PDB file of N, CA and C in Angstrom:
ATOM      1  N   MET A   1      71.314 153.768 144.480  1.00  0.00           N
ATOM      2  CA  MET A   1      70.779 152.424 144.625  1.00  0.00           C
ATOM      3  C   MET A   1      69.796 152.164 143.485  1.00  0.00           C
ATOM      4  N   ARG A   2      69.954 151.006 142.869  1.00  0.00           N
ATOM      5  CA  ARG A   2      69.067 150.651 141.774  1.00  0.00           C
ATOM      6  C   ARG A   2      67.673 150.314 142.288  1.00  0.00           C
ATOM      7  N   LEU A   3      66.696 150.474 141.434  1.00  0.00           N
ATOM      8  CA  LEU A   3      65.297 150.293 141.793  1.00  0.00           C
ATOM      9  C   LEU A   3      65.028 148.906 142.379  1.00  0.00           C
ATOM     10  N   PHE A   4      65.528 147.865 141.729  1.00  0.00           N
ATOM     11  CA  PHE A   4      65.298 146.500 142.191  1.00  0.00           C
ATOM     12  C   PHE A   4      65.850 146.307 143.601  1.00  0.00           C
ATOM     13  N   GLU A   5      67.057 146.778 143.848  1.00  0.00           N
ATOM     14  CA  GLU A   5      67.681 146.654 145.172  1.00  0.00           C
ATOM     15  C   GLU A   5      66.899 147.448 146.218  1.00  0.00           C
ATOM     16  N   LYS A   6      66.375 148.582 145.807  1.00  0.00           N
ATOM     17  CA  LYS A   6      65.598 149.423 146.723  1.00  0.00           C
ATOM     18  C   LYS A   6      64.366 148.684 147.235  1.00  0.00           C
ATOM     19  N   TYR A   7      63.718 147.929 146.373  1.00  0.00           N
ATOM     20  CA  TYR A   7      62.525 147.193 146.778  1.00  0.00           C
ATOM     21  C   TYR A   7      62.852 145.904 147.527  1.00  0.00           C
ATOM     22  N   LEU A   8      64.050 145.377 147.339  1.00  0.00           N
ATOM     23  CA  LEU A   8      64.452 144.169 148.061  1.00  0.00           C
ATOM     24  C   LEU A   8      64.865 144.466 149.500  1.00  0.00           C
ATOM     25  N   LYS A   9      65.378 145.648 149.742  1.00  0.00           N
ATOM     26  CA  LYS A   9      65.921 145.995 151.061  1.00  0.00           C
ATOM     27  C   LYS A   9      64.932 145.762 152.208  1.00  0.00           C
ATOM     28  N   PRO A  10      63.686 146.210 152.119  1.00  0.00           N
ATOM     29  CA  PRO A  10      62.750 145.984 153.239  1.00  0.00           C
ATOM     30  C   PRO A  10      62.503 144.507 153.537  1.00  0.00           C
ATOM     31  N   LEU A  11      62.633 143.654 152.522  1.00  0.00           N
ATOM     32  CA  LEU A  11      62.419 142.230 152.749  1.00  0.00           C
ATOM     33  C   LEU A  11      63.478 141.660 153.684  1.00  0.00           C
ATOM     34  N   GLY A  12      64.688 142.158 153.583  1.00  0.00           N
ATOM     35  CA  GLY A  12      65.751 141.718 154.479  1.00  0.00           C
ATOM     36  C   GLY A  12      65.527 142.179 155.902  1.00  0.00           C
ATOM     37  N   GLU A  13      64.874 143.309 156.046  1.00  0.00           N
ATOM     38  CA  GLU A  13      64.644 143.892 157.367  1.00  0.00           C
ATOM     39  C   GLU A  13      63.554 143.182 158.154  1.00  0.00           C
ATOM     40  N   ILE A  14      62.665 142.468 157.471  1.00  0.00           N
ATOM     41  CA  ILE A  14      61.567 141.819 158.198  1.00  0.00           C
ATOM     42  C   ILE A  14      61.825 140.341 158.458  1.00  0.00           C
ATOM     43  N   GLY A  15      62.938 139.798 157.996  1.00  0.00           N
ATOM     44  CA  GLY A  15      63.287 138.415 158.299  1.00  0.00           C
ATOM     45  C   GLY A  15      62.532 137.366 157.511  1.00  0.00           C
ATOM     46  N   ILE A  16      62.686 137.406 156.204  1.00  0.00           N
ATOM     47  CA  ILE A  16      62.013 136.454 155.325  1.00  0.00           C
ATOM     48  C   ILE A  16      62.375 135.014 155.674  1.00  0.00           C
ATOM     49  N   GLU A  17      63.646 134.772 155.967  1.00  0.00           N
ATOM     50  CA  GLU A  17      64.089 133.409 156.258  1.00  0.00           C
ATOM     51  C   GLU A  17      63.389 132.838 157.489  1.00  0.00           C
ATOM     52  N   SER A  18      63.203 133.671 158.513  1.00  0.00           N
ATOM     53  CA  SER A  18      62.530 133.175 159.719  1.00  0.00           C
ATOM     54  C   SER A  18      61.054 132.883 159.442  1.00  0.00           C
ATOM     55  N   ILE A  19      60.433 133.688 158.596  1.00  0.00           N
ATOM     56  CA  ILE A  19      59.037 133.429 158.220  1.00  0.00           C
ATOM     57  C   ILE A  19      58.943 132.126 157.431  1.00  0.00           C
ATOM     58  N   ALA A  20      59.870 131.936 156.509  1.00  0.00           N
ATOM     59  CA  ALA A  20      59.884 130.705 155.710  1.00  0.00           C
ATOM     60  C   ALA A  20      60.101 129.491 156.600  1.00  0.00           C
ATOM     61  N   LYS A  21      61.006 129.615 157.556  1.00  0.00           N
ATOM     62  CA  LYS A  21      61.297 128.494 158.452  1.00  0.00           C
ATOM     63  C   LYS A  21      60.096 128.182 159.341  1.00  0.00           C
ATOM     64  N   GLU A  22      59.480 129.211 159.883  1.00  0.00           N
ATOM     65  CA  GLU A  22      58.342 129.021 160.785  1.00  0.00           C
ATOM     66  C   GLU A  22      57.138 128.396 160.074  1.00  0.00           C
ATOM     67  N   THR A  23      56.935 128.777 158.823  1.00  0.00           N
ATOM     68  CA  THR A  23      55.784 128.257 158.081  1.00  0.00           C
ATOM     69  C   THR A  23      56.099 126.950 157.347  1.00  0.00           C
ATOM     70  N   GLY A  24      57.386 126.650 157.172  1.00  0.00           N
ATOM     71  CA  GLY A  24      57.781 125.455 156.434  1.00  0.00           C
ATOM     72  C   GLY A  24      57.483 125.565 154.951  1.00  0.00           C
ATOM     73  N   ILE A  25      57.364 126.779 154.471  1.00  0.00           N
ATOM     74  CA  ILE A  25      56.944 127.035 153.087  1.00  0.00           C
ATOM     75  C   ILE A  25      57.959 126.547 152.048  1.00  0.00           C
ATOM     76  N   ASP A  26      59.238 126.504 152.417  1.00  0.00           N
ATOM     77  CA  ASP A  26      60.275 126.119 151.459  1.00  0.00           C
ATOM     78  C   ASP A  26      60.459 124.612 151.332  1.00  0.00           C
ATOM     79  N   GLU A  27      59.705 123.830 152.079  1.00  0.00           N
ATOM     80  CA  GLU A  27      59.808 122.377 151.999  1.00  0.00           C
ATOM     81  C   GLU A  27      59.278 121.847 150.670  1.00  0.00           C
ATOM     82  N   TYR A  28      58.442 122.623 150.003  1.00  0.00           N
ATOM     83  CA  TYR A  28      57.784 122.145 148.794  1.00  0.00           C
ATOM     84  C   TYR A  28      58.504 122.507 147.502  1.00  0.00           C
ATOM     85  N   SER A  29      59.453 123.412 147.585  1.00  0.00           N
ATOM     86  CA  SER A  29      60.177 123.813 146.377  1.00  0.00           C
ATOM     87  C   SER A  29      61.621 124.114 146.732  1.00  0.00           C
ATOM     88  N   LYS A  30      62.508 123.266 146.264  1.00  0.00           N
ATOM     89  CA  LYS A  30      63.936 123.468 146.541  1.00  0.00           C
ATOM     90  C   LYS A  30      64.512 124.585 145.672  1.00  0.00           C
ATOM     91  N   LYS A  31      64.079 124.656 144.430  1.00  0.00           N
ATOM     92  CA  LYS A  31      64.646 125.638 143.505  1.00  0.00           C
ATOM     93  C   LYS A  31      64.157 127.052 143.784  1.00  0.00           C
ATOM     94  N   LEU A  32      62.877 127.193 144.065  1.00  0.00           N
ATOM     95  CA  LEU A  32      62.288 128.520 144.230  1.00  0.00           C
ATOM     96  C   LEU A  32      61.848 128.706 145.685  1.00  0.00           C
ATOM     97  N   ASN A  33      62.808 129.103 146.524  1.00  0.00           N
ATOM     98  CA  ASN A  33      62.457 129.339 147.925  1.00  0.00           C
ATOM     99  C   ASN A  33      61.685 130.652 148.037  1.00  0.00           C
ATOM    100  N   LEU A  34      61.227 130.956 149.233  1.00  0.00           N
ATOM    101  CA  LEU A  34      60.376 132.125 149.433  1.00  0.00           C
ATOM    102  C   LEU A  34      61.074 133.418 149.017  1.00  0.00           C
ATOM    103  N   ARG A  35      62.340 133.581 149.391  1.00  0.00           N
ATOM    104  CA  ARG A  35      63.079 134.794 149.030  1.00  0.00           C
ATOM    105  C   ARG A  35      63.158 134.941 147.512  1.00  0.00           C
ATOM    106  N   GLU A  36      63.483 133.855 146.811  1.00  0.00           N
ATOM    107  CA  GLU A  36      63.576 133.902 145.352  1.00  0.00           C
ATOM    108  C   GLU A  36      62.203 134.176 144.727  1.00  0.00           C
ATOM    109  N   HIS A  37      61.170 133.626 145.303  1.00  0.00           N
ATOM    110  CA  HIS A  37      59.813 133.844 144.803  1.00  0.00           C
ATOM    111  C   HIS A  37      59.436 135.321 144.930  1.00  0.00           C
ATOM    112  N   LEU A  38      59.745 135.913 146.075  1.00  0.00           N
ATOM    113  CA  LEU A  38      59.464 137.336 146.273  1.00  0.00           C
ATOM    114  C   LEU A  38      60.273 138.198 145.306  1.00  0.00           C
ATOM    115  N   LYS A  39      61.515 137.812 145.071  1.00  0.00           N
ATOM    116  CA  LYS A  39      62.342 138.555 144.105  1.00  0.00           C
ATOM    117  C   LYS A  39      61.715 138.499 142.714  1.00  0.00           C
ATOM    118  N   LEU A  40      61.193 137.338 142.342  1.00  0.00           N
ATOM    119  CA  LEU A  40      60.527 137.215 141.040  1.00  0.00           C
ATOM    120  C   LEU A  40      59.271 138.077 140.976  1.00  0.00           C
ATOM    121  N   LEU A  41      58.519 138.123 142.066  1.00  0.00           N
ATOM    122  CA  LEU A  41      57.316 138.966 142.090  1.00  0.00           C
ATOM    123  C   LEU A  41      57.678 140.438 141.919  1.00  0.00           C
ATOM    124  N   ILE A  42      58.698 140.882 142.630  1.00  0.00           N
ATOM    125  CA  ILE A  42      59.134 142.276 142.514  1.00  0.00           C
ATOM    126  C   ILE A  42      59.631 142.561 141.103  1.00  0.00           C
ATOM    127  N   TYR A  43      60.440 141.657 140.580  1.00  0.00           N
ATOM    128  CA  TYR A  43      60.966 141.803 139.218  1.00  0.00           C
ATOM    129  C   TYR A  43      59.822 141.888 138.204  1.00  0.00           C
ATOM    130  N   SER A  44      58.810 141.034 138.365  1.00  0.00           N
ATOM    131  CA  SER A  44      57.702 141.030 137.404  1.00  0.00           C
ATOM    132  C   SER A  44      56.938 142.345 137.426  1.00  0.00           C
ATOM    133  N   ILE A  45      56.863 142.979 138.585  1.00  0.00           N
ATOM    134  CA  ILE A  45      56.174 144.271 138.681  1.00  0.00           C
ATOM    135  C   ILE A  45      57.021 145.375 138.062  1.00  0.00           C
ATOM    136  N   ILE A  46      58.300 145.422 138.415  1.00  0.00           N
ATOM    137  CA  ILE A  46      59.186 146.471 137.896  1.00  0.00           C
ATOM    138  C   ILE A  46      59.300 146.396 136.376  1.00  0.00           C
ATOM    139  N   TYR A  47      59.425 145.171 135.840  1.00  0.00           N
ATOM    140  CA  TYR A  47      59.616 145.008 134.407  1.00  0.00           C
ATOM    141  C   TYR A  47      58.310 144.731 133.661  1.00  0.00           C
ATOM    142  N   ASP A  48      57.172 144.943 134.338  1.00  0.00           N
ATOM    143  CA  ASP A  48      55.846 144.870 133.735  1.00  0.00           C
ATOM    144  C   ASP A  48      55.593 143.548 133.000  1.00  0.00           C
ATOM    145  N   CYS A  49      55.890 142.450 133.663  1.00  0.00           N
ATOM    146  CA  CYS A  49      55.627 141.122 133.105  1.00  0.00           C
ATOM    147  C   CYS A  49      54.240 140.696 133.576  1.00  0.00           C
ATOM    148  N   VAL A  50      53.272 140.768 132.693  1.00  0.00           N
ATOM    149  CA  VAL A  50      51.887 140.528 133.094  1.00  0.00           C
ATOM    150  C   VAL A  50      51.474 139.058 132.979  1.00  0.00           C
ATOM    151  N   THR A  51      52.279 138.253 132.338  1.00  0.00           N
ATOM    152  CA  THR A  51      51.977 136.822 132.228  1.00  0.00           C
ATOM    153  C   THR A  51      53.186 136.018 132.700  1.00  0.00           C
ATOM    154  N   LEU A  52      52.944 134.752 133.021  1.00  0.00           N
ATOM    155  CA  LEU A  52      54.052 133.873 133.400  1.00  0.00           C
ATOM    156  C   LEU A  52      55.026 133.694 132.238  1.00  0.00           C
ATOM    157  N   THR A  53      54.494 133.641 131.030  1.00  0.00           N
ATOM    158  CA  THR A  53      55.353 133.506 129.857  1.00  0.00           C
ATOM    159  C   THR A  53      56.280 134.704 129.730  1.00  0.00           C
ATOM    160  N   ALA A  54      55.731 135.903 129.873  1.00  0.00           N
ATOM    161  CA  ALA A  54      56.552 137.121 129.788  1.00  0.00           C
ATOM    162  C   ALA A  54      57.612 137.136 130.880  1.00  0.00           C
ATOM    163  N   LEU A  55      57.231 136.746 132.093  1.00  0.00           N
ATOM    164  CA  LEU A  55      58.191 136.716 133.188  1.00  0.00           C
ATOM    165  C   LEU A  55      59.303 135.707 132.916  1.00  0.00           C
ATOM    166  N   CYS A  56      58.932 134.494 132.551  1.00  0.00           N
ATOM    167  CA  CYS A  56      59.937 133.456 132.307  1.00  0.00           C
ATOM    168  C   CYS A  56      60.851 133.814 131.134  1.00  0.00           C
ATOM    169  N   ASP A  57      60.292 134.443 130.110  1.00  0.00           N
ATOM    170  CA  ASP A  57      61.108 134.902 128.981  1.00  0.00           C
ATOM    171  C   ASP A  57      62.072 135.992 129.423  1.00  0.00           C
ATOM    172  N   SER A  58      61.621 136.913 130.261  1.00  0.00           N
ATOM    173  CA  SER A  58      62.484 138.015 130.695  1.00  0.00           C
ATOM    174  C   SER A  58      63.574 137.541 131.653  1.00  0.00           C
ATOM    175  N   LEU A  59      63.387 136.385 132.264  1.00  0.00           N
ATOM    176  CA  LEU A  59      64.413 135.850 133.160  1.00  0.00           C
ATOM    177  C   LEU A  59      65.652 135.372 132.399  1.00  0.00           C
ATOM    178  N   GLN A  60      65.546 135.332 131.091  1.00  0.00           N
ATOM    179  CA  GLN A  60      66.695 134.959 130.259  1.00  0.00           C
ATOM    180  C   GLN A  60      67.571 136.166 129.922  1.00  0.00           C
ATOM    181  N   SER A  61      67.165 137.358 130.349  1.00  0.00           N
ATOM    182  CA  SER A  61      67.876 138.594 130.002  1.00  0.00           C
ATOM    183  C   SER A  61      69.067 138.845 130.915  1.00  0.00           C
ATOM    184  N   ARG A  62      69.902 139.779 130.489  1.00  0.00           N
ATOM    185  CA  ARG A  62      71.063 140.181 131.297  1.00  0.00           C
ATOM    186  C   ARG A  62      70.632 140.880 132.579  1.00  0.00           C
ATOM    187  N   ASP A  63      69.540 141.639 132.513  1.00  0.00           N
ATOM    188  CA  ASP A  63      69.036 142.322 133.708  1.00  0.00           C
ATOM    189  C   ASP A  63      68.690 141.321 134.801  1.00  0.00           C
ATOM    190  N   ALA A  64      68.031 140.253 134.417  1.00  0.00           N
ATOM    191  CA  ALA A  64      67.653 139.229 135.394  1.00  0.00           C
ATOM    192  C   ALA A  64      68.897 138.582 135.989  1.00  0.00           C
ATOM    193  N   GLU A  65      69.845 138.271 135.144  1.00  0.00           N
ATOM    194  CA  GLU A  65      71.101 137.660 135.619  1.00  0.00           C
ATOM    195  C   GLU A  65      71.860 138.625 136.524  1.00  0.00           C
ATOM    196  N   LYS A  66      71.893 139.889 136.137  1.00  0.00           N
ATOM    197  CA  LYS A  66      72.586 140.912 136.920  1.00  0.00           C
ATOM    198  C   LYS A  66      71.945 141.094 138.298  1.00  0.00           C
ATOM    199  N   ASN A  67      70.632 140.900 138.371  1.00  0.00           N
ATOM    200  CA  ASN A  67      69.906 141.031 139.635  1.00  0.00           C
ATOM    201  C   ASN A  67      69.913 139.744 140.450  1.00  0.00           C
ATOM    202  N   GLY A  68      70.606 138.726 139.951  1.00  0.00           N
ATOM    203  CA  GLY A  68      70.735 137.481 140.697  1.00  0.00           C
ATOM    204  C   GLY A  68      69.487 136.623 140.723  1.00  0.00           C
ATOM    205  N   LEU A  69      68.664 136.747 139.703  1.00  0.00           N
ATOM    206  CA  LEU A  69      67.436 135.952 139.649  1.00  0.00           C
ATOM    207  C   LEU A  69      67.706 134.597 139.020  1.00  0.00           C
ATOM    208  N   ILE A  70      67.000 133.600 139.493  1.00  0.00           N
ATOM    209  CA  ILE A  70      67.152 132.269 138.931  1.00  0.00           C
ATOM    210  C   ILE A  70      66.242 132.133 137.713  1.00  0.00           C
ATOM    211  N   SER A  71      66.657 131.294 136.794  1.00  0.00           N
ATOM    212  CA  SER A  71      65.838 131.009 135.629  1.00  0.00           C
ATOM    213  C   SER A  71      64.908 129.855 135.996  1.00  0.00           C
ATOM    214  N   ILE A  72      63.664 129.986 135.648  1.00  0.00           N
ATOM    215  CA  ILE A  72      62.680 128.956 135.976  1.00  0.00           C
ATOM    216  C   ILE A  72      61.694 128.848 134.829  1.00  0.00           C
ATOM    217  N   SER A  73      61.245 127.644 134.562  1.00  0.00           N
ATOM    218  CA  SER A  73      60.296 127.455 133.462  1.00  0.00           C
ATOM    219  C   SER A  73      58.901 127.893 133.901  1.00  0.00           C
ATOM    220  N   LYS A  74      58.095 128.140 132.914  1.00  0.00           N
ATOM    221  CA  LYS A  74      56.711 128.546 133.171  1.00  0.00           C
ATOM    222  C   LYS A  74      55.976 127.457 133.949  1.00  0.00           C
ATOM    223  N   ALA A  75      56.214 126.189 133.593  1.00  0.00           N
ATOM    224  CA  ALA A  75      55.539 125.075 134.272  1.00  0.00           C
ATOM    225  C   ALA A  75      55.960 124.993 135.742  1.00  0.00           C
ATOM    226  N   GLN A  76      57.261 125.121 136.018  1.00  0.00           N
ATOM    227  CA  GLN A  76      57.746 125.079 137.403  1.00  0.00           C
ATOM    228  C   GLN A  76      57.156 126.228 138.213  1.00  0.00           C
ATOM    229  N   LEU A  77      57.171 127.418 137.645  1.00  0.00           N
ATOM    230  CA  LEU A  77      56.650 128.592 138.343  1.00  0.00           C
ATOM    231  C   LEU A  77      55.152 128.451 138.597  1.00  0.00           C
ATOM    232  N   SER A  78      54.446 127.921 137.644  1.00  0.00           N
ATOM    233  CA  SER A  78      53.008 127.717 137.789  1.00  0.00           C
ATOM    234  C   SER A  78      52.712 126.748 138.937  1.00  0.00           C
ATOM    235  N   VAL A  79      53.480 125.666 139.022  1.00  0.00           N
ATOM    236  CA  VAL A  79      53.282 124.682 140.089  1.00  0.00           C
ATOM    237  C   VAL A  79      53.550 125.311 141.449  1.00  0.00           C
ATOM    238  N   VAL A  80      54.636 126.084 141.558  1.00  0.00           N
ATOM    239  CA  VAL A  80      54.956 126.735 142.829  1.00  0.00           C
ATOM    240  C   VAL A  80      53.878 127.747 143.198  1.00  0.00           C
ATOM    241  N   ASN A  81      53.448 128.552 142.240  1.00  0.00           N
ATOM    242  CA  ASN A  81      52.391 129.540 142.501  1.00  0.00           C
ATOM    243  C   ASN A  81      51.110 128.864 142.975  1.00  0.00           C
ATOM    244  N   GLU A  82      50.806 127.726 142.383  1.00  0.00           N
ATOM    245  CA  GLU A  82      49.580 127.019 142.715  1.00  0.00           C
ATOM    246  C   GLU A  82      49.657 126.344 144.087  1.00  0.00           C
ATOM    247  N   ASN A  83      50.815 125.806 144.429  1.00  0.00           N
ATOM    248  CA  ASN A  83      50.949 125.020 145.653  1.00  0.00           C
ATOM    249  C   ASN A  83      51.397 125.807 146.881  1.00  0.00           C
ATOM    250  N   ARG A  84      52.001 126.966 146.680  1.00  0.00           N
ATOM    251  CA  ARG A  84      52.487 127.736 147.825  1.00  0.00           C
ATOM    252  C   ARG A  84      51.317 128.435 148.506  1.00  0.00           C
ATOM    253  N   ASP A  85      51.264 128.289 149.814  1.00  0.00           N
ATOM    254  CA  ASP A  85      50.175 128.871 150.601  1.00  0.00           C
ATOM    255  C   ASP A  85      50.271 130.398 150.553  1.00  0.00           C
ATOM    256  N   TYR A  86      49.234 131.036 150.054  1.00  0.00           N
ATOM    257  CA  TYR A  86      49.238 132.495 149.889  1.00  0.00           C
ATOM    258  C   TYR A  86      49.329 133.233 151.224  1.00  0.00           C
ATOM    259  N   ARG A  87      48.975 132.579 152.324  1.00  0.00           N
ATOM    260  CA  ARG A  87      48.967 133.256 153.618  1.00  0.00           C
ATOM    261  C   ARG A  87      50.351 133.731 154.044  1.00  0.00           C
ATOM    262  N   VAL A  88      51.390 133.092 153.536  1.00  0.00           N
ATOM    263  CA  VAL A  88      52.738 133.552 153.865  1.00  0.00           C
ATOM    264  C   VAL A  88      52.976 134.942 153.268  1.00  0.00           C
ATOM    265  N   PHE A  89      52.400 135.221 152.118  1.00  0.00           N
ATOM    266  CA  PHE A  89      52.534 136.540 151.506  1.00  0.00           C
ATOM    267  C   PHE A  89      51.737 137.589 152.269  1.00  0.00           C
ATOM    268  N   VAL A  90      50.607 137.177 152.826  1.00  0.00           N
ATOM    269  CA  VAL A  90      49.816 138.077 153.673  1.00  0.00           C
ATOM    270  C   VAL A  90      50.630 138.440 154.914  1.00  0.00           C
ATOM    271  N   TRP A  91      51.275 137.453 155.514  1.00  0.00           N
ATOM    272  CA  TRP A  91      52.114 137.680 156.687  1.00  0.00           C
ATOM    273  C   TRP A  91      53.232 138.672 156.356  1.00  0.00           C
ATOM    274  N   ILE A  92      53.877 138.474 155.224  1.00  0.00           N
ATOM    275  CA  ILE A  92      54.958 139.369 154.807  1.00  0.00           C
ATOM    276  C   ILE A  92      54.420 140.780 154.572  1.00  0.00           C
ATOM    277  N   PHE A  93      53.255 140.880 153.961  1.00  0.00           N
ATOM    278  CA  PHE A  93      52.633 142.185 153.737  1.00  0.00           C
ATOM    279  C   PHE A  93      52.413 142.908 155.064  1.00  0.00           C
ATOM    280  N   TYR A  94      51.866 142.198 156.042  1.00  0.00           N
ATOM    281  CA  TYR A  94      51.633 142.812 157.353  1.00  0.00           C
ATOM    282  C   TYR A  94      52.937 143.196 158.044  1.00  0.00           C
ATOM    283  N   GLU A  95      53.955 142.399 157.910  1.00  0.00           N
ATOM    284  CA  GLU A  95      55.264 142.723 158.485  1.00  0.00           C
ATOM    285  C   GLU A  95      55.831 143.993 157.842  1.00  0.00           C
ATOM    286  N   LEU A  96      55.655 144.116 156.529  1.00  0.00           N
ATOM    287  CA  LEU A  96      56.118 145.319 155.834  1.00  0.00           C
ATOM    288  C   LEU A  96      55.338 146.546 156.299  1.00  0.00           C
ATOM    289  N   LEU A  97      54.028 146.418 156.428  1.00  0.00           N
ATOM    290  CA  LEU A  97      53.212 147.527 156.923  1.00  0.00           C
ATOM    291  C   LEU A  97      53.631 147.927 158.338  1.00  0.00           C
ATOM    292  N   TYR A  98      53.805 146.954 159.191  1.00  0.00           N
ATOM    293  CA  TYR A  98      54.224 147.197 160.566  1.00  0.00           C
ATOM    294  C   TYR A  98      55.557 147.944 160.586  1.00  0.00           C
ATOM    295  N   SER A  99      56.477 147.502 159.754  1.00  0.00           N
ATOM    296  CA  SER A  99      57.794 148.137 159.668  1.00  0.00           C
ATOM    297  C   SER A  99      57.681 149.594 159.214  1.00  0.00           C
ATOM    298  N   ILE A 100      56.856 149.835 158.215  1.00  0.00           N
ATOM    299  CA  ILE A 100      56.679 151.197 157.699  1.00  0.00           C
ATOM    300  C   ILE A 100      56.033 152.100 158.747  1.00  0.00           C
ATOM    301  N   ILE A 101      55.008 151.585 159.400  1.00  0.00           N
ATOM    302  CA  ILE A 101      54.310 152.373 160.413  1.00  0.00           C
ATOM    303  C   ILE A 101      55.255 152.784 161.531  1.00  0.00           C
ATOM    304  N   HIS A 102      56.056 151.848 162.008  1.00  0.00           N
ATOM    305  CA  HIS A 102      56.961 152.163 163.112  1.00  0.00           C
ATOM    306  C   HIS A 102      58.160 152.996 162.668  1.00  0.00           C
ATOM    307  N   LYS A 103      58.618 152.766 161.471  1.00  0.00           N
ATOM    308  CA  LYS A 103      59.771 153.507 160.964  1.00  0.00           C
ATOM    309  C   LYS A 103      59.443 154.986 160.797  1.00  0.00           C
ATOM    310  N   HIS A 104      58.250 155.278 160.384  1.00  0.00           N
ATOM    311  CA  HIS A 104      57.850 156.665 160.115  1.00  0.00           C
ATOM    312  C   HIS A 104      56.934 157.229 161.199  1.00  0.00           C
ATOM    313  N   HIS A 105      56.822 156.519 162.286  1.00  0.00           N
ATOM    314  CA  HIS A 105      55.990 156.964 163.417  1.00  0.00           C
ATOM    315  C   HIS A 105      54.582 157.350 162.950  1.00  0.00           C
ATOM    316  N   ALA A 106      54.072 156.589 162.006  1.00  0.00           N
ATOM    317  CA  ALA A 106      52.777 156.919 161.404  1.00  0.00           C
ATOM    318  C   ALA A 106      51.621 156.757 162.378  1.00  0.00           C
ATOM    319  N   LEU A 107      51.718 155.826 163.292  1.00  0.00           N
ATOM    320  CA  LEU A 107      50.634 155.612 164.230  1.00  0.00           C
ATOM    321  C   LEU A 107      50.403 156.827 165.117  1.00  0.00           C
ATOM    322  N   SER A 108      51.481 157.437 165.570  1.00  0.00           N
ATOM    323  CA  SER A 108      51.339 158.630 166.431  1.00  0.00           C
ATOM    324  C   SER A 108      50.776 159.810 165.656  1.00  0.00           C
ATOM    325  N   LYS A 109      51.017 159.864 164.348  1.00  0.00           N
ATOM    326  CA  LYS A 109      50.482 160.940 163.525  1.00  0.00           C
ATOM    327  C   LYS A 109      48.992 160.773 163.258  1.00  0.00           C
ATOM    328  N   ILE A 110      48.544 159.516 163.244  1.00  0.00           N
ATOM    329  CA  ILE A 110      47.130 159.244 162.996  1.00  0.00           C
ATOM    330  C   ILE A 110      46.312 159.497 164.234  1.00  0.00           C
ATOM    331  N   LEU A 111      46.830 159.049 165.379  1.00  0.00           N
ATOM    332  CA  LEU A 111      46.082 159.175 166.625  1.00  0.00           C
ATOM    333  C   LEU A 111      46.224 160.546 167.132  1.00  0.00           C
TER     334      LEU A 111
END
């Protein structure tokens, strides 16, 4: 399994679409829905894109196309980053932690 796919797998397990629907987060951006936004965040970390310019430039590569990422301009991405409520990412973070804790029975090991 490729690295990018490995990091995407847990997102499918926690129900990103239901979180997006419940929060209404995708009403503000048709092109960059929550799932696509998370994919871009993961991609930017794996490929060490430290600026929006670097990320948007790298989205023109074959790797980005092969990973099914959408191409988006720096201005569009900036607007979405600015307007999207960060609390949805906090919710996803907690869902991922919850999943990891239960999957590895970590709570019973701590207590």
